[in-house]
Amino acid sequence: VDGRSQAFASGVRGALALLDRDFDTDSGAVAAARQLLEPLLDVEIAPARPDIGESLKRLRLTDRKG
């Protein structure tokens, strides 16, 4: 997990903590907000980058020929 993912998850946890601390946790609106936020803890905001190695090799070969 890189720094961006950690910062994102930290922000979501902070929002959840704020809801618990400053709002009526028995409220339907607060429960709905938590239902929207909680799944975001599992979101990967920096997915693995695709492997472009083969494409790069072909580009370099094309460049040498051209």
PDB file of N, CA and C in Angstrom:
ATOM      1  N   VAL A   1       0.862  -1.186   0.000  1.00  0.00           N
ATOM      2  CA  VAL A   1       0.000   0.000   0.000  1.00  0.00           C
ATOM      3  C   VAL A   1       0.896   1.233   0.000  1.00  0.00           C
ATOM      4  N   ASP A   2       0.650   2.111  -0.949  1.00  0.00           N
ATOM      5  CA  ASP A   2       1.487   3.301  -1.005  1.00  0.00           C
ATOM      6  C   ASP A   2       0.908   4.400  -0.126  1.00  0.00           C
ATOM      7  N   GLY A   3       1.583   5.529  -0.075  1.00  0.00           N
ATOM      8  CA  GLY A   3       1.188   6.636   0.778  1.00  0.00           C
ATOM      9  C   GLY A   3      -0.173   7.207   0.460  1.00  0.00           C
ATOM     10  N   ARG A   4      -0.528   7.230  -0.828  1.00  0.00           N
ATOM     11  CA  ARG A   4      -1.843   7.773  -1.202  1.00  0.00           C
ATOM     12  C   ARG A   4      -2.964   6.898  -0.665  1.00  0.00           C
ATOM     13  N   SER A   5      -2.808   5.600  -0.762  1.00  0.00           N
ATOM     14  CA  SER A   5      -3.831   4.684  -0.254  1.00  0.00           C
ATOM     15  C   SER A   5      -3.952   4.803   1.259  1.00  0.00           C
ATOM     16  N   GLN A   6      -2.813   4.933   1.927  1.00  0.00           N
ATOM     17  CA  GLN A   6      -2.823   5.082   3.379  1.00  0.00           C
ATOM     18  C   GLN A   6      -3.497   6.386   3.779  1.00  0.00           C
ATOM     19  N   ALA A   7      -3.204   7.465   3.073  1.00  0.00           N
ATOM     20  CA  ALA A   7      -3.808   8.759   3.380  1.00  0.00           C
ATOM     21  C   ALA A   7      -5.312   8.712   3.135  1.00  0.00           C
ATOM     22  N   PHE A   8      -5.733   8.070   2.059  1.00  0.00           N
ATOM     23  CA  PHE A   8      -7.150   7.942   1.750  1.00  0.00           C
ATOM     24  C   PHE A   8      -7.871   7.182   2.854  1.00  0.00           C
ATOM     25  N   ALA A   9      -7.323   6.024   3.239  1.00  0.00           N
ATOM     26  CA  ALA A   9      -7.938   5.211   4.288  1.00  0.00           C
ATOM     27  C   ALA A   9      -7.971   5.977   5.609  1.00  0.00           C
ATOM     28  N   SER A  10      -6.918   6.722   5.886  1.00  0.00           N
ATOM     29  CA  SER A  10      -6.876   7.523   7.109  1.00  0.00           C
ATOM     30  C   SER A  10      -7.973   8.584   7.105  1.00  0.00           C
ATOM     31  N   GLY A  11      -8.195   9.204   5.959  1.00  0.00           N
ATOM     32  CA  GLY A  11      -9.253  10.197   5.846  1.00  0.00           C
ATOM     33  C   GLY A  11     -10.631   9.590   6.049  1.00  0.00           C
ATOM     34  N   VAL A  12     -10.840   8.404   5.502  1.00  0.00           N
ATOM     35  CA  VAL A  12     -12.127   7.725   5.674  1.00  0.00           C
ATOM     36  C   VAL A  12     -12.317   7.357   7.139  1.00  0.00           C
ATOM     37  N   ARG A  13     -11.268   6.828   7.770  1.00  0.00           N
ATOM     38  CA  ARG A  13     -11.364   6.497   9.201  1.00  0.00           C
ATOM     39  C   ARG A  13     -11.650   7.745  10.026  1.00  0.00           C
ATOM     40  N   GLY A  14     -11.045   8.867   9.643  1.00  0.00           N
ATOM     41  CA  GLY A  14     -11.304  10.126  10.343  1.00  0.00           C
ATOM     42  C   GLY A  14     -12.749  10.565  10.200  1.00  0.00           C
ATOM     43  N   ALA A  15     -13.301  10.407   9.011  1.00  0.00           N
ATOM     44  CA  ALA A  15     -14.699  10.766   8.788  1.00  0.00           C
ATOM     45  C   ALA A  15     -15.624   9.877   9.617  1.00  0.00           C
ATOM     46  N   LEU A  16     -15.315   8.596   9.682  1.00  0.00           N
ATOM     47  CA  LEU A  16     -16.118   7.684  10.494  1.00  0.00           C
ATOM     48  C   LEU A  16     -16.026   8.050  11.977  1.00  0.00           C
ATOM     49  N   ALA A  17     -14.841   8.379  12.429  1.00  0.00           N
ATOM     50  CA  ALA A  17     -14.653   8.775  13.828  1.00  0.00           C
ATOM     51  C   ALA A  17     -15.418  10.065  14.130  1.00  0.00           C
ATOM     52  N   LEU A  18     -15.403  11.001  13.201  1.00  0.00           N
ATOM     53  CA  LEU A  18     -16.139  12.253  13.380  1.00  0.00           C
ATOM     54  C   LEU A  18     -17.637  11.981  13.495  1.00  0.00           C
ATOM     55  N   LEU A  19     -18.151  11.103  12.645  1.00  0.00           N
ATOM     56  CA  LEU A  19     -19.568  10.740  12.742  1.00  0.00           C
ATOM     57  C   LEU A  19     -19.889  10.161  14.110  1.00  0.00           C
ATOM     58  N   ASP A  20     -19.027   9.275  14.590  1.00  0.00           N
ATOM     59  CA  ASP A  20     -19.260   8.638  15.889  1.00  0.00           C
ATOM     60  C   ASP A  20     -19.150   9.626  17.037  1.00  0.00           C
ATOM     61  N   ARG A  21     -18.251  10.570  16.910  1.00  0.00           N
ATOM     62  CA  ARG A  21     -17.985  11.520  17.995  1.00  0.00           C
ATOM     63  C   ARG A  21     -18.989  12.666  18.036  1.00  0.00           C
ATOM     64  N   ASP A  22     -19.339  13.207  16.873  1.00  0.00           N
ATOM     65  CA  ASP A  22     -20.081  14.466  16.839  1.00  0.00           C
ATOM     66  C   ASP A  22     -21.545  14.346  16.422  1.00  0.00           C
ATOM     67  N   PHE A  23     -21.995  13.157  16.059  1.00  0.00           N
ATOM     68  CA  PHE A  23     -23.360  13.017  15.581  1.00  0.00           C
ATOM     69  C   PHE A  23     -24.077  11.902  16.328  1.00  0.00           C
ATOM     70  N   ASP A  24     -25.386  11.917  16.238  1.00  0.00           N
ATOM     71  CA  ASP A  24     -26.228  10.914  16.878  1.00  0.00           C
ATOM     72  C   ASP A  24     -26.109   9.606  16.106  1.00  0.00           C
ATOM     73  N   THR A  25     -25.425   8.652  16.690  1.00  0.00           N
ATOM     74  CA  THR A  25     -25.170   7.390  15.996  1.00  0.00           C
ATOM     75  C   THR A  25     -26.430   6.544  15.829  1.00  0.00           C
ATOM     76  N   ASP A  26     -27.510   6.915  16.515  1.00  0.00           N
ATOM     77  CA  ASP A  26     -28.786   6.225  16.334  1.00  0.00           C
ATOM     78  C   ASP A  26     -29.590   6.798  15.171  1.00  0.00           C
ATOM     79  N   SER A  27     -29.108   7.885  14.602  1.00  0.00           N
ATOM     80  CA  SER A  27     -29.796   8.539  13.491  1.00  0.00           C
ATOM     81  C   SER A  27     -29.667   7.715  12.212  1.00  0.00           C
ATOM     82  N   GLY A  28     -30.746   7.650  11.455  1.00  0.00           N
ATOM     83  CA  GLY A  28     -30.717   6.945  10.179  1.00  0.00           C
ATOM     84  C   GLY A  28     -29.758   7.593   9.199  1.00  0.00           C
ATOM     85  N   ALA A  29     -29.665   8.917   9.235  1.00  0.00           N
ATOM     86  CA  ALA A  29     -28.765   9.627   8.324  1.00  0.00           C
ATOM     87  C   ALA A  29     -27.309   9.291   8.625  1.00  0.00           C
ATOM     88  N   VAL A  30     -26.980   9.190   9.905  1.00  0.00           N
ATOM     89  CA  VAL A  30     -25.605   8.837  10.286  1.00  0.00           C
ATOM     90  C   VAL A  30     -25.306   7.395   9.878  1.00  0.00           C
ATOM     91  N   ALA A  31     -26.255   6.510  10.088  1.00  0.00           N
ATOM     92  CA  ALA A  31     -26.074   5.113   9.675  1.00  0.00           C
ATOM     93  C   ALA A  31     -25.878   5.029   8.163  1.00  0.00           C
ATOM     94  N   ALA A  32     -26.648   5.823   7.423  1.00  0.00           N
ATOM     95  CA  ALA A  32     -26.510   5.825   5.963  1.00  0.00           C
ATOM     96  C   ALA A  32     -25.143   6.352   5.540  1.00  0.00           C
ATOM     97  N   ALA A  33     -24.672   7.386   6.211  1.00  0.00           N
ATOM     98  CA  ALA A  33     -23.348   7.934   5.895  1.00  0.00           C
ATOM     99  C   ALA A  33     -22.267   6.900   6.175  1.00  0.00           C
ATOM    100  N   ARG A  34     -22.397   6.199   7.287  1.00  0.00           N
ATOM    101  CA  ARG A  34     -21.420   5.146   7.607  1.00  0.00           C
ATOM    102  C   ARG A  34     -21.454   4.043   6.556  1.00  0.00           C
ATOM    103  N   GLN A  35     -22.645   3.694   6.081  1.00  0.00           N
ATOM    104  CA  GLN A  35     -22.758   2.651   5.053  1.00  0.00           C
ATOM    105  C   GLN A  35     -22.082   3.072   3.758  1.00  0.00           C
ATOM    106  N   LEU A  36     -22.074   4.356   3.482  1.00  0.00           N
ATOM    107  CA  LEU A  36     -21.385   4.848   2.288  1.00  0.00           C
ATOM    108  C   LEU A  36     -19.872   4.884   2.478  1.00  0.00           C
ATOM    109  N   LEU A  37     -19.444   5.230   3.677  1.00  0.00           N
ATOM    110  CA  LEU A  37     -18.013   5.391   3.938  1.00  0.00           C
ATOM    111  C   LEU A  37     -17.276   4.069   4.158  1.00  0.00           C
ATOM    112  N   GLU A  38     -17.871   3.160   4.892  1.00  0.00           N
ATOM    113  CA  GLU A  38     -17.157   1.937   5.278  1.00  0.00           C
ATOM    114  C   GLU A  38     -16.584   1.151   4.096  1.00  0.00           C
ATOM    115  N   PRO A  39     -17.316   0.978   2.998  1.00  0.00           N
ATOM    116  CA  PRO A  39     -16.731   0.233   1.871  1.00  0.00           C
ATOM    117  C   PRO A  39     -15.519   0.935   1.257  1.00  0.00           C
ATOM    118  N   LEU A  40     -15.413   2.234   1.465  1.00  0.00           N
ATOM    119  CA  LEU A  40     -14.273   2.961   0.909  1.00  0.00           C
ATOM    120  C   LEU A  40     -12.952   2.552   1.556  1.00  0.00           C
ATOM    121  N   LEU A  41     -13.023   1.946   2.748  1.00  0.00           N
ATOM    122  CA  LEU A  41     -11.801   1.468   3.396  1.00  0.00           C
ATOM    123  C   LEU A  41     -11.127   0.369   2.590  1.00  0.00           C
ATOM    124  N   ASP A  42     -11.890  -0.320   1.748  1.00  0.00           N
ATOM    125  CA  ASP A  42     -11.350  -1.425   0.948  1.00  0.00           C
ATOM    126  C   ASP A  42     -10.983  -1.012  -0.470  1.00  0.00           C
ATOM    127  N   VAL A  43     -11.197   0.256  -0.806  1.00  0.00           N
ATOM    128  CA  VAL A  43     -10.911   0.724  -2.165  1.00  0.00           C
ATOM    129  C   VAL A  43      -9.409   0.919  -2.341  1.00  0.00           C
ATOM    130  N   GLU A  44      -8.884   0.365  -3.401  1.00  0.00           N
ATOM    131  CA  GLU A  44      -7.473   0.549  -3.739  1.00  0.00           C
ATOM    132  C   GLU A  44      -7.385   1.715  -4.719  1.00  0.00           C
ATOM    133  N   ILE A  45      -6.871   2.853  -4.227  1.00  0.00           N
ATOM    134  CA  ILE A  45      -6.864   4.034  -5.085  1.00  0.00           C
ATOM    135  C   ILE A  45      -5.625   4.105  -5.972  1.00  0.00           C
ATOM    136  N   ALA A  46      -4.679   3.251  -5.726  1.00  0.00           N
ATOM    137  CA  ALA A  46      -3.475   3.228  -6.550  1.00  0.00           C
ATOM    138  C   ALA A  46      -3.238   1.790  -7.015  1.00  0.00           C
ATOM    139  N   PRO A  47      -4.059   1.299  -7.945  1.00  0.00           N
ATOM    140  CA  PRO A  47      -3.895  -0.085  -8.397  1.00  0.00           C
ATOM    141  C   PRO A  47      -2.549  -0.291  -9.101  1.00  0.00           C
ATOM    142  N   ALA A  48      -2.171  -1.530  -9.213  1.00  0.00           N
ATOM    143  CA  ALA A  48      -0.902  -1.862  -9.873  1.00  0.00           C
ATOM    144  C   ALA A  48      -0.911  -1.354 -11.309  1.00  0.00           C
ATOM    145  N   ARG A  49       0.210  -0.866 -11.728  1.00  0.00           N
ATOM    146  CA  ARG A  49       0.338  -0.379 -13.104  1.00  0.00           C
ATOM    147  C   ARG A  49       0.553  -1.549 -14.049  1.00  0.00           C
ATOM    148  N   PRO A  50       0.032  -1.433 -15.254  1.00  0.00           N
ATOM    149  CA  PRO A  50       0.216  -2.541 -16.203  1.00  0.00           C
ATOM    150  C   PRO A  50       1.673  -2.665 -16.627  1.00  0.00           C
ATOM    151  N   ASP A  51       2.061  -3.866 -17.005  1.00  0.00           N
ATOM    152  CA  ASP A  51       3.411  -4.112 -17.495  1.00  0.00           C
ATOM    153  C   ASP A  51       3.494  -3.670 -18.957  1.00  0.00           C
ATOM    154  N   ILE A  52       4.341  -2.701 -19.225  1.00  0.00           N
ATOM    155  CA  ILE A  52       4.481  -2.190 -20.598  1.00  0.00           C
ATOM    156  C   ILE A  52       5.821  -2.605 -21.205  1.00  0.00           C
ATOM    157  N   GLY A  53       6.468  -3.546 -20.559  1.00  0.00           N
ATOM    158  CA  GLY A  53       7.795  -3.962 -21.005  1.00  0.00           C
ATOM    159  C   GLY A  53       7.850  -4.430 -22.450  1.00  0.00           C
ATOM    160  N   GLU A  54       6.911  -5.289 -22.841  1.00  0.00           N
ATOM    161  CA  GLU A  54       6.909  -5.816 -24.207  1.00  0.00           C
ATOM    162  C   GLU A  54       6.627  -4.703 -25.210  1.00  0.00           C
ATOM    163  N   SER A  55       5.695  -3.830 -24.898  1.00  0.00           N
ATOM    164  CA  SER A  55       5.392  -2.701 -25.790  1.00  0.00           C
ATOM    165  C   SER A  55       6.608  -1.797 -25.942  1.00  0.00           C
ATOM    166  N   LEU A  56       7.306  -1.569 -24.861  1.00  0.00           N
ATOM    167  CA  LEU A  56       8.492  -0.720 -24.905  1.00  0.00           C
ATOM    168  C   LEU A  56       9.579  -1.348 -25.776  1.00  0.00           C
ATOM    169  N   LYS A  57       9.762  -2.657 -25.653  1.00  0.00           N
ATOM    170  CA  LYS A  57      10.744  -3.347 -26.500  1.00  0.00           C
ATOM    171  C   LYS A  57      10.410  -3.158 -27.978  1.00  0.00           C
ATOM    172  N   ARG A  58       9.146  -3.337 -28.310  1.00  0.00           N
ATOM    173  CA  ARG A  58       8.735  -3.204 -29.717  1.00  0.00           C
ATOM    174  C   ARG A  58       8.922  -1.772 -30.233  1.00  0.00           C
ATOM    175  N   LEU A  59       8.620  -0.814 -29.395  1.00  0.00           N
ATOM    176  CA  LEU A  59       8.830   0.580 -29.794  1.00  0.00           C
ATOM    177  C   LEU A  59      10.308   0.860 -30.048  1.00  0.00           C
ATOM    178  N   ARG A  60      11.143   0.347 -29.164  1.00  0.00           N
ATOM    179  CA  ARG A  60      12.576   0.562 -29.348  1.00  0.00           C
ATOM    180  C   ARG A  60      13.095  -0.108 -30.619  1.00  0.00           C
ATOM    181  N   LEU A  61      12.595  -1.307 -30.905  1.00  0.00           N
ATOM    182  CA  LEU A  61      13.000  -1.992 -32.135  1.00  0.00           C
ATOM    183  C   LEU A  61      12.537  -1.215 -33.368  1.00  0.00           C
ATOM    184  N   THR A  62      11.339  -0.705 -33.327  1.00  0.00           N
ATOM    185  CA  THR A  62      10.794   0.088 -34.437  1.00  0.00           C
ATOM    186  C   THR A  62      11.628   1.333 -34.660  1.00  0.00           C
ATOM    187  N   ASP A  63      12.027   1.957 -33.570  1.00  0.00           N
ATOM    188  CA  ASP A  63      12.816   3.178 -33.642  1.00  0.00           C
ATOM    189  C   ASP A  63      14.181   2.908 -34.291  1.00  0.00           C
ATOM    190  N   ARG A  64      14.776   1.758 -34.007  1.00  0.00           N
ATOM    191  CA  ARG A  64      16.087   1.420 -34.581  1.00  0.00           C
ATOM    192  C   ARG A  64      15.989   1.127 -36.075  1.00  0.00           C
ATOM    193  N   LYS A  65      14.863   0.563 -36.482  1.00  0.00           N
ATOM    194  CA  LYS A  65      14.674   0.210 -37.885  1.00  0.00           C
ATOM    195  C   LYS A  65      14.368   1.437 -38.739  1.00  0.00           C
ATOM    196  N   GLY A  66      13.656   2.424 -38.107  1.00  0.00           N
ATOM    197  CA  GLY A  66      13.118   3.533 -38.871  1.00  0.00           C
ATOM    198  C   GLY A  66      14.070   4.602 -39.193  1.00  0.00           C
TER     199      GLY A  66
END
